[in-house]
Protein backbone atom coordinates (compact mmCIF):
# COMPACT_ATOMS: atom_id res chain seq x y z
CA UNK A 1 0.00 0.00 0.00
CA UNK A 2 1.06 3.52 -0.71
CA UNK A 3 1.03 6.12 2.08
CA UNK A 4 -2.38 7.35 0.88
CA UNK A 5 -3.91 3.85 1.09
CA UNK A 6 -3.89 2.89 -2.58
CA UNK A 7 -2.59 -0.56 -3.62
CA UNK A 8 1.06 -0.60 -4.66
CA UNK A 9 0.93 -1.75 -8.27
CA UNK A 10 4.53 -0.93 -9.13
CA UNK A 11 5.87 -4.05 -7.41
CA UNK A 12 3.68 -6.31 -9.59
CA UNK A 13 4.53 -4.41 -12.74
CA UNK A 14 8.24 -4.60 -11.95
CA UNK A 15 8.02 -8.35 -11.40
CA UNK A 16 6.10 -8.78 -14.67
CA UNK A 17 8.68 -6.69 -16.51
CA UNK A 18 11.58 -8.70 -15.05
CA UNK A 19 9.90 -11.98 -15.97
CA UNK A 20 9.21 -10.81 -19.52
CA UNK A 21 12.76 -9.55 -19.94
CA UNK A 22 14.17 -12.84 -18.66
CA UNK A 23 11.99 -14.82 -21.08
CA UNK A 24 13.15 -12.61 -23.97
CA UNK A 25 16.81 -13.15 -23.01
CA UNK A 26 16.30 -16.93 -22.89
CA UNK A 27 14.58 -16.86 -26.29
CA UNK A 28 17.41 -14.78 -27.78
CA UNK A 29 20.05 -17.16 -26.38
CA UNK A 30 18.19 -20.13 -27.85
CA UNK A 31 17.93 -18.36 -31.23
CA UNK A 32 21.65 -17.64 -31.26
CA UNK A 33 22.49 -21.23 -30.41
CA UNK A 34 20.24 -22.53 -33.21
CA UNK A 35 21.84 -20.06 -35.64
CA UNK A 36 25.30 -21.19 -34.52
CA UNK A 37 24.35 -24.82 -35.10
CA UNK A 38 23.10 -23.96 -38.59
CA UNK A 39 26.39 -22.21 -39.36
CA UNK A 40 28.36 -25.18 -38.00
CA UNK A 41 26.36 -27.60 -40.16
CA UNK A 42 27.07 -25.59 -43.31
CA UNK A 43 30.67 -24.50 -42.73
CA UNK A 44 33.57 -26.18 -44.49
CA UNK A 45 35.92 -26.37 -41.49
CA UNK A 46 36.61 -24.78 -38.09
CA UNK A 47 38.15 -21.67 -39.65
CA UNK A 48 35.20 -21.19 -41.98
CA UNK A 49 32.85 -21.62 -39.00
CA UNK A 50 34.71 -18.99 -36.95
CA UNK A 51 34.67 -16.52 -39.84
CA UNK A 52 30.97 -17.03 -40.52
CA UNK A 53 30.04 -16.69 -36.85
CA UNK A 54 32.13 -13.55 -36.60
CA UNK A 55 30.53 -12.03 -39.72
CA UNK A 56 27.08 -12.71 -38.31
CA UNK A 57 27.96 -11.39 -34.87
CA UNK A 58 27.09 -14.68 -33.23
CA UNK A 59 28.75 -16.03 -30.10
CA UNK A 60 31.09 -18.93 -30.60
CA UNK A 61 33.52 -17.27 -32.99
CA UNK A 62 35.96 -17.39 -30.08
CA UNK A 63 35.93 -20.82 -28.36
CA UNK A 64 36.42 -19.13 -24.98
CA UNK A 65 33.16 -17.19 -25.37
CA UNK A 66 31.06 -19.91 -26.97
CA UNK A 67 27.82 -20.45 -25.06
CA UNK A 68 27.07 -23.76 -23.45
CA UNK A 69 24.04 -25.15 -25.22
CA UNK A 70 22.88 -27.84 -22.84
CA UNK A 71 19.13 -27.93 -22.25
CA UNK A 72 18.39 -25.52 -25.07
CA UNK A 73 15.69 -26.69 -27.47
CA UNK A 74 16.88 -27.39 -31.00
PDB file of N, CA and C in Angstrom:
ATOM      1  N   UNK A   1       0.829  -1.184   0.000  1.00  0.00           N
ATOM      2  CA  UNK A   1       0.000   0.000   0.000  1.00  0.00           C
ATOM      3  C   UNK A   1       0.873   1.248   0.000  1.00  0.00           C
ATOM      4  N   UNK A   2       0.381   2.223  -0.714  1.00  0.00           N
ATOM      5  CA  UNK A   2       1.058   3.517  -0.713  1.00  0.00           C
ATOM      6  C   UNK A   2       0.651   4.282   0.544  1.00  0.00           C
ATOM      7  N   UNK A   3       1.373   5.345   0.869  1.00  0.00           N
ATOM      8  CA  UNK A   3       1.026   6.117   2.076  1.00  0.00           C
ATOM      9  C   UNK A   3      -0.414   6.633   2.085  1.00  0.00           C
ATOM     10  N   UNK A   4      -0.996   6.851   0.907  1.00  0.00           N
ATOM     11  CA  UNK A   4      -2.376   7.350   0.880  1.00  0.00           C
ATOM     12  C   UNK A   4      -3.411   6.228   0.813  1.00  0.00           C
ATOM     13  N   UNK A   5      -2.985   4.979   0.992  1.00  0.00           N
ATOM     14  CA  UNK A   5      -3.905   3.852   1.091  1.00  0.00           C
ATOM     15  C   UNK A   5      -4.224   3.137  -0.206  1.00  0.00           C
ATOM     16  N   UNK A   6      -3.647   3.569  -1.300  1.00  0.00           N
ATOM     17  CA  UNK A   6      -3.894   2.886  -2.575  1.00  0.00           C
ATOM     18  C   UNK A   6      -3.001   1.653  -2.690  1.00  0.00           C
ATOM     19  N   UNK A   7      -3.441   0.628  -3.438  1.00  0.00           N
ATOM     20  CA  UNK A   7      -2.593  -0.559  -3.621  1.00  0.00           C
ATOM     21  C   UNK A   7      -1.312  -0.201  -4.365  1.00  0.00           C
ATOM     22  N   UNK A   8      -0.230  -0.837  -4.006  1.00  0.00           N
ATOM     23  CA  UNK A   8       1.059  -0.604  -4.659  1.00  0.00           C
ATOM     24  C   UNK A   8       1.151  -1.513  -5.878  1.00  0.00           C
ATOM     25  N   UNK A   9       0.920  -0.958  -7.038  1.00  0.00           N
ATOM     26  CA  UNK A   9       0.932  -1.748  -8.274  1.00  0.00           C
ATOM     27  C   UNK A   9       2.321  -1.828  -8.900  1.00  0.00           C
ATOM     28  N   UNK A  10       3.220  -0.951  -8.497  1.00  0.00           N
ATOM     29  CA  UNK A  10       4.533  -0.927  -9.132  1.00  0.00           C
ATOM     30  C   UNK A  10       5.320  -2.200  -8.861  1.00  0.00           C
ATOM     31  N   UNK A  11       5.147  -2.811  -7.713  1.00  0.00           N
ATOM     32  CA  UNK A  11       5.867  -4.049  -7.412  1.00  0.00           C
ATOM     33  C   UNK A  11       5.437  -5.158  -8.374  1.00  0.00           C
ATOM     34  N   UNK A  12       4.163  -5.298  -8.649  1.00  0.00           N
ATOM     35  CA  UNK A  12       3.677  -6.307  -9.586  1.00  0.00           C
ATOM     36  C   UNK A  12       4.135  -6.028 -11.006  1.00  0.00           C
ATOM     37  N   UNK A  13       4.100  -4.779 -11.392  1.00  0.00           N
ATOM     38  CA  UNK A  13       4.532  -4.410 -12.737  1.00  0.00           C
ATOM     39  C   UNK A  13       6.018  -4.664 -12.909  1.00  0.00           C
ATOM     40  N   UNK A  14       6.795  -4.368 -11.875  1.00  0.00           N
ATOM     41  CA  UNK A  14       8.242  -4.602 -11.949  1.00  0.00           C
ATOM     42  C   UNK A  14       8.538  -6.090 -12.072  1.00  0.00           C
ATOM     43  N   UNK A  15       7.813  -6.904 -11.329  1.00  0.00           N
ATOM     44  CA  UNK A  15       8.017  -8.353 -11.404  1.00  0.00           C
ATOM     45  C   UNK A  15       7.632  -8.874 -12.785  1.00  0.00           C
ATOM     46  N   UNK A  16       6.516  -8.375 -13.326  1.00  0.00           N
ATOM     47  CA  UNK A  16       6.101  -8.782 -14.671  1.00  0.00           C
ATOM     48  C   UNK A  16       7.139  -8.380 -15.711  1.00  0.00           C
ATOM     49  N   UNK A  17       7.665  -7.171 -15.580  1.00  0.00           N
ATOM     50  CA  UNK A  17       8.681  -6.694 -16.513  1.00  0.00           C
ATOM     51  C   UNK A  17       9.928  -7.568 -16.438  1.00  0.00           C
ATOM     52  N   UNK A  18      10.379  -7.878 -15.221  1.00  0.00           N
ATOM     53  CA  UNK A  18      11.580  -8.702 -15.051  1.00  0.00           C
ATOM     54  C   UNK A  18      11.374 -10.090 -15.636  1.00  0.00           C
ATOM     55  N   UNK A  19      10.193 -10.654 -15.431  1.00  0.00           N
ATOM     56  CA  UNK A  19       9.896 -11.984 -15.969  1.00  0.00           C
ATOM     57  C   UNK A  19       9.877 -11.960 -17.497  1.00  0.00           C
ATOM     58  N   UNK A  20       9.269 -10.940 -18.066  1.00  0.00           N
ATOM     59  CA  UNK A  20       9.211 -10.812 -19.523  1.00  0.00           C
ATOM     60  C   UNK A  20      10.599 -10.616 -20.115  1.00  0.00           C
ATOM     61  N   UNK A  21      11.399  -9.794 -19.465  1.00  0.00           N
ATOM     62  CA  UNK A  21      12.765  -9.552 -19.944  1.00  0.00           C
ATOM     63  C   UNK A  21      13.596 -10.833 -19.885  1.00  0.00           C
ATOM     64  N   UNK A  22      13.445 -11.587 -18.806  1.00  0.00           N
ATOM     65  CA  UNK A  22      14.173 -12.843 -18.661  1.00  0.00           C
ATOM     66  C   UNK A  22      13.768 -13.836 -19.753  1.00  0.00           C
ATOM     67  N   UNK A  23      12.474 -13.918 -20.029  1.00  0.00           N
ATOM     68  CA  UNK A  23      11.993 -14.815 -21.083  1.00  0.00           C
ATOM     69  C   UNK A  23      12.546 -14.396 -22.442  1.00  0.00           C
ATOM     70  N   UNK A  24      12.608 -13.104 -22.699  1.00  0.00           N
ATOM     71  CA  UNK A  24      13.154 -12.614 -23.967  1.00  0.00           C
ATOM     72  C   UNK A  24      14.639 -12.942 -24.087  1.00  0.00           C
ATOM     73  N   UNK A  25      15.372 -12.822 -22.991  1.00  0.00           N
ATOM     74  CA  UNK A  25      16.805 -13.147 -23.011  1.00  0.00           C
ATOM     75  C   UNK A  25      17.019 -14.637 -23.267  1.00  0.00           C
ATOM     76  N   UNK A  26      16.189 -15.483 -22.647  1.00  0.00           N
ATOM     77  CA  UNK A  26      16.303 -16.927 -22.894  1.00  0.00           C
ATOM     78  C   UNK A  26      15.981 -17.256 -24.346  1.00  0.00           C
ATOM     79  N   UNK A  27      14.953 -16.623 -24.898  1.00  0.00           N
ATOM     80  CA  UNK A  27      14.580 -16.860 -26.292  1.00  0.00           C
ATOM     81  C   UNK A  27      15.690 -16.413 -27.239  1.00  0.00           C
ATOM     82  N   UNK A  28      16.308 -15.279 -26.948  1.00  0.00           N
ATOM     83  CA  UNK A  28      17.413 -14.783 -27.782  1.00  0.00           C
ATOM     84  C   UNK A  28      18.610 -15.724 -27.715  1.00  0.00           C
ATOM     85  N   UNK A  29      18.924 -16.219 -26.524  1.00  0.00           N
ATOM     86  CA  UNK A  29      20.046 -17.156 -26.381  1.00  0.00           C
ATOM     87  C   UNK A  29      19.769 -18.429 -27.172  1.00  0.00           C
ATOM     88  N   UNK A  30      18.549 -18.928 -27.098  1.00  0.00           N
ATOM     89  CA  UNK A  30      18.190 -20.134 -27.848  1.00  0.00           C
ATOM     90  C   UNK A  30      18.289 -19.887 -29.351  1.00  0.00           C
ATOM     91  N   UNK A  31      17.858 -18.702 -29.802  1.00  0.00           N
ATOM     92  CA  UNK A  31      17.932 -18.363 -31.230  1.00  0.00           C
ATOM     93  C   UNK A  31      19.376 -18.309 -31.704  1.00  0.00           C
ATOM     94  N   UNK A  32      20.243 -17.722 -30.893  1.00  0.00           N
ATOM     95  CA  UNK A  32      21.654 -17.635 -31.262  1.00  0.00           C
ATOM     96  C   UNK A  32      22.296 -19.015 -31.314  1.00  0.00           C
ATOM     97  N   UNK A  33      21.928 -19.880 -30.405  1.00  0.00           N
ATOM     98  CA  UNK A  33      22.486 -21.234 -30.410  1.00  0.00           C
ATOM     99  C   UNK A  33      22.023 -21.984 -31.654  1.00  0.00           C
ATOM    100  N   UNK A  34      20.738 -21.869 -31.997  1.00  0.00           N
ATOM    101  CA  UNK A  34      20.241 -22.530 -33.209  1.00  0.00           C
ATOM    102  C   UNK A  34      20.933 -21.979 -34.450  1.00  0.00           C
ATOM    103  N   UNK A  35      21.138 -20.669 -34.500  1.00  0.00           N
ATOM    104  CA  UNK A  35      21.839 -20.060 -35.635  1.00  0.00           C
ATOM    105  C   UNK A  35      23.271 -20.562 -35.705  1.00  0.00           C
ATOM    106  N   UNK A  36      23.932 -20.671 -34.565  1.00  0.00           N
ATOM    107  CA  UNK A  36      25.296 -21.194 -34.518  1.00  0.00           C
ATOM    108  C   UNK A  36      25.375 -22.624 -35.005  1.00  0.00           C
ATOM    109  N   UNK A  37      24.385 -23.421 -34.636  1.00  0.00           N
ATOM    110  CA  UNK A  37      24.347 -24.816 -35.105  1.00  0.00           C
ATOM    111  C   UNK A  37      24.169 -24.869 -36.616  1.00  0.00           C
ATOM    112  N   UNK A  38      23.317 -24.007 -37.144  1.00  0.00           N
ATOM    113  CA  UNK A  38      23.102 -23.963 -38.589  1.00  0.00           C
ATOM    114  C   UNK A  38      24.394 -23.598 -39.305  1.00  0.00           C
ATOM    115  N   UNK A  39      25.101 -22.597 -38.784  1.00  0.00           N
ATOM    116  CA  UNK A  39      26.392 -22.210 -39.363  1.00  0.00           C
ATOM    117  C   UNK A  39      27.360 -23.383 -39.299  1.00  0.00           C
ATOM    118  N   UNK A  40      27.434 -24.049 -38.158  1.00  0.00           N
ATOM    119  CA  UNK A  40      28.357 -25.177 -37.998  1.00  0.00           C
ATOM    120  C   UNK A  40      28.035 -26.291 -38.989  1.00  0.00           C
ATOM    121  N   UNK A  41      26.760 -26.539 -39.227  1.00  0.00           N
ATOM    122  CA  UNK A  41      26.358 -27.599 -40.156  1.00  0.00           C
ATOM    123  C   UNK A  41      26.686 -27.270 -41.608  1.00  0.00           C
ATOM    124  N   UNK A  42      26.826 -25.990 -41.928  1.00  0.00           N
ATOM    125  CA  UNK A  42      27.074 -25.594 -43.313  1.00  0.00           C
ATOM    126  C   UNK A  42      28.484 -25.071 -43.566  1.00  0.00           C
ATOM    127  N   UNK A  43      29.305 -25.009 -42.536  1.00  0.00           N
ATOM    128  CA  UNK A  43      30.668 -24.499 -42.732  1.00  0.00           C
ATOM    129  C   UNK A  43      31.583 -25.617 -43.227  1.00  0.00           C
ATOM    130  N   UNK A  44      32.640 -25.220 -43.902  1.00  0.00           N
ATOM    131  CA  UNK A  44      33.568 -26.182 -44.488  1.00  0.00           C
ATOM    132  C   UNK A  44      34.532 -26.761 -43.461  1.00  0.00           C
ATOM    133  N   UNK A  45      34.980 -25.928 -42.529  1.00  0.00           N
ATOM    134  CA  UNK A  45      35.915 -26.368 -41.495  1.00  0.00           C
ATOM    135  C   UNK A  45      35.819 -25.402 -40.314  1.00  0.00           C
ATOM    136  N   UNK A  46      36.663 -25.607 -39.304  1.00  0.00           N
ATOM    137  CA  UNK A  46      36.612 -24.780 -38.095  1.00  0.00           C
ATOM    138  C   UNK A  46      36.898 -23.312 -38.400  1.00  0.00           C
ATOM    139  N   UNK A  47      37.828 -23.052 -39.298  1.00  0.00           N
ATOM    140  CA  UNK A  47      38.153 -21.671 -39.649  1.00  0.00           C
ATOM    141  C   UNK A  47      36.974 -21.000 -40.354  1.00  0.00           C
ATOM    142  N   UNK A  48      36.365 -21.709 -41.282  1.00  0.00           N
ATOM    143  CA  UNK A  48      35.196 -21.192 -41.981  1.00  0.00           C
ATOM    144  C   UNK A  48      34.082 -20.897 -40.979  1.00  0.00           C
ATOM    145  N   UNK A  49      33.876 -21.801 -40.036  1.00  0.00           N
ATOM    146  CA  UNK A  49      32.852 -21.618 -38.999  1.00  0.00           C
ATOM    147  C   UNK A  49      33.112 -20.350 -38.190  1.00  0.00           C
ATOM    148  N   UNK A  50      34.358 -20.178 -37.738  1.00  0.00           N
ATOM    149  CA  UNK A  50      34.708 -18.988 -36.950  1.00  0.00           C
ATOM    150  C   UNK A  50      34.458 -17.710 -37.742  1.00  0.00           C
ATOM    151  N   UNK A  51      34.856 -17.715 -39.009  1.00  0.00           N
ATOM    152  CA  UNK A  51      34.668 -16.524 -39.843  1.00  0.00           C
ATOM    153  C   UNK A  51      33.187 -16.211 -40.047  1.00  0.00           C
ATOM    154  N   UNK A  52      32.398 -17.238 -40.319  1.00  0.00           N
ATOM    155  CA  UNK A  52      30.966 -17.026 -40.522  1.00  0.00           C
ATOM    156  C   UNK A  52      30.292 -16.527 -39.246  1.00  0.00           C
ATOM    157  N   UNK A  53      30.615 -17.136 -38.118  1.00  0.00           N
ATOM    158  CA  UNK A  53      30.037 -16.691 -36.847  1.00  0.00           C
ATOM    159  C   UNK A  53      30.414 -15.247 -36.557  1.00  0.00           C
ATOM    160  N   UNK A  54      31.658 -14.908 -36.831  1.00  0.00           N
ATOM    161  CA  UNK A  54      32.127 -13.546 -36.598  1.00  0.00           C
ATOM    162  C   UNK A  54      31.396 -12.555 -37.502  1.00  0.00           C
ATOM    163  N   UNK A  55      31.229 -12.901 -38.775  1.00  0.00           N
ATOM    164  CA  UNK A  55      30.528 -12.026 -39.715  1.00  0.00           C
ATOM    165  C   UNK A  55      29.085 -11.787 -39.292  1.00  0.00           C
ATOM    166  N   UNK A  56      28.474 -12.816 -38.727  1.00  0.00           N
ATOM    167  CA  UNK A  56      27.077 -12.711 -38.312  1.00  0.00           C
ATOM    168  C   UNK A  56      26.915 -12.128 -36.916  1.00  0.00           C
ATOM    169  N   UNK A  57      28.030 -11.931 -36.218  1.00  0.00           N
ATOM    170  CA  UNK A  57      27.961 -11.387 -34.869  1.00  0.00           C
ATOM    171  C   UNK A  57      27.415 -12.366 -33.854  1.00  0.00           C
ATOM    172  N   UNK A  58      27.595 -13.652 -34.126  1.00  0.00           N
ATOM    173  CA  UNK A  58      27.090 -14.685 -33.225  1.00  0.00           C
ATOM    174  C   UNK A  58      28.167 -15.128 -32.252  1.00  0.00           C
ATOM    175  N   UNK A  59      27.769 -15.505 -31.037  1.00  0.00           N
ATOM    176  CA  UNK A  59      28.754 -16.026 -30.096  1.00  0.00           C
ATOM    177  C   UNK A  59      29.300 -17.354 -30.603  1.00  0.00           C
ATOM    178  N   UNK A  60      30.488 -17.675 -30.188  1.00  0.00           N
ATOM    179  CA  UNK A  60      31.090 -18.930 -30.600  1.00  0.00           C
ATOM    180  C   UNK A  60      32.220 -18.742 -31.583  1.00  0.00           C
ATOM    181  N   UNK A  61      32.406 -17.528 -32.084  1.00  0.00           N
ATOM    182  CA  UNK A  61      33.520 -17.274 -32.985  1.00  0.00           C
ATOM    183  C   UNK A  61      34.830 -17.475 -32.241  1.00  0.00           C
ATOM    184  N   UNK A  62      34.821 -17.167 -30.956  1.00  0.00           N
ATOM    185  CA  UNK A  62      35.964 -17.394 -30.075  1.00  0.00           C
ATOM    186  C   UNK A  62      35.588 -18.544 -29.147  1.00  0.00           C
ATOM    187  N   UNK A  63      36.308 -19.668 -29.179  1.00  0.00           N
ATOM    188  CA  UNK A  63      35.935 -20.820 -28.357  1.00  0.00           C
ATOM    189  C   UNK A  63      35.804 -20.496 -26.873  1.00  0.00           C
ATOM    190  N   UNK A  64      36.515 -19.480 -26.392  1.00  0.00           N
ATOM    191  CA  UNK A  64      36.425 -19.128 -24.978  1.00  0.00           C
ATOM    192  C   UNK A  64      35.110 -18.433 -24.639  1.00  0.00           C
ATOM    193  N   UNK A  65      34.423 -17.888 -25.636  1.00  0.00           N
ATOM    194  CA  UNK A  65      33.165 -17.189 -25.373  1.00  0.00           C
ATOM    195  C   UNK A  65      31.961 -17.942 -25.904  1.00  0.00           C
ATOM    196  N   UNK A  66      32.164 -19.133 -26.428  1.00  0.00           N
ATOM    197  CA  UNK A  66      31.055 -19.910 -26.966  1.00  0.00           C
ATOM    198  C   UNK A  66      30.087 -20.273 -25.847  1.00  0.00           C
ATOM    199  N   UNK A  67      28.786 -20.111 -26.100  1.00  0.00           N
ATOM    200  CA  UNK A  67      27.816 -20.447 -25.061  1.00  0.00           C
ATOM    201  C   UNK A  67      27.706 -21.952 -24.886  1.00  0.00           C
ATOM    202  N   UNK A  68      27.346 -22.351 -23.705  1.00  0.00           N
ATOM    203  CA  UNK A  68      27.067 -23.759 -23.455  1.00  0.00           C
ATOM    204  C   UNK A  68      25.622 -23.983 -23.850  1.00  0.00           C
ATOM    205  N   UNK A  69      25.382 -24.987 -24.684  1.00  0.00           N
ATOM    206  CA  UNK A  69      24.039 -25.148 -25.224  1.00  0.00           C
ATOM    207  C   UNK A  69      23.280 -26.324 -24.636  1.00  0.00           C
ATOM    208  N   UNK A  70      23.641 -26.771 -23.466  1.00  0.00           N
ATOM    209  CA  UNK A  70      22.877 -27.845 -22.840  1.00  0.00           C
ATOM    210  C   UNK A  70      21.490 -27.335 -22.480  1.00  0.00           C
ATOM    211  N   UNK A  71      20.516 -28.204 -22.639  1.00  0.00           N
ATOM    212  CA  UNK A  71      19.134 -27.934 -22.249  1.00  0.00           C
ATOM    213  C   UNK A  71      18.500 -26.796 -23.034  1.00  0.00           C
ATOM    214  N   UNK A  72      18.998 -26.530 -24.215  1.00  0.00           N
ATOM    215  CA  UNK A  72      18.386 -25.520 -25.073  1.00  0.00           C
ATOM    216  C   UNK A  72      17.692 -26.263 -26.198  1.00  0.00           C
ATOM    217  N   UNK A  73      16.409 -25.971 -26.419  1.00  0.00           N
ATOM    218  CA  UNK A  73      15.695 -26.692 -27.471  1.00  0.00           C
ATOM    219  C   UNK A  73      16.302 -26.453 -28.844  1.00  0.00           C
ATOM    220  N   UNK A  74      16.320 -27.493 -29.644  1.00  0.00           N
ATOM    221  CA  UNK A  74      16.885 -27.392 -30.996  1.00  0.00           C
ATOM    222  C   UNK A  74      15.900 -26.802 -31.956  1.00  0.00           C
TER     223      UNK A  74
END
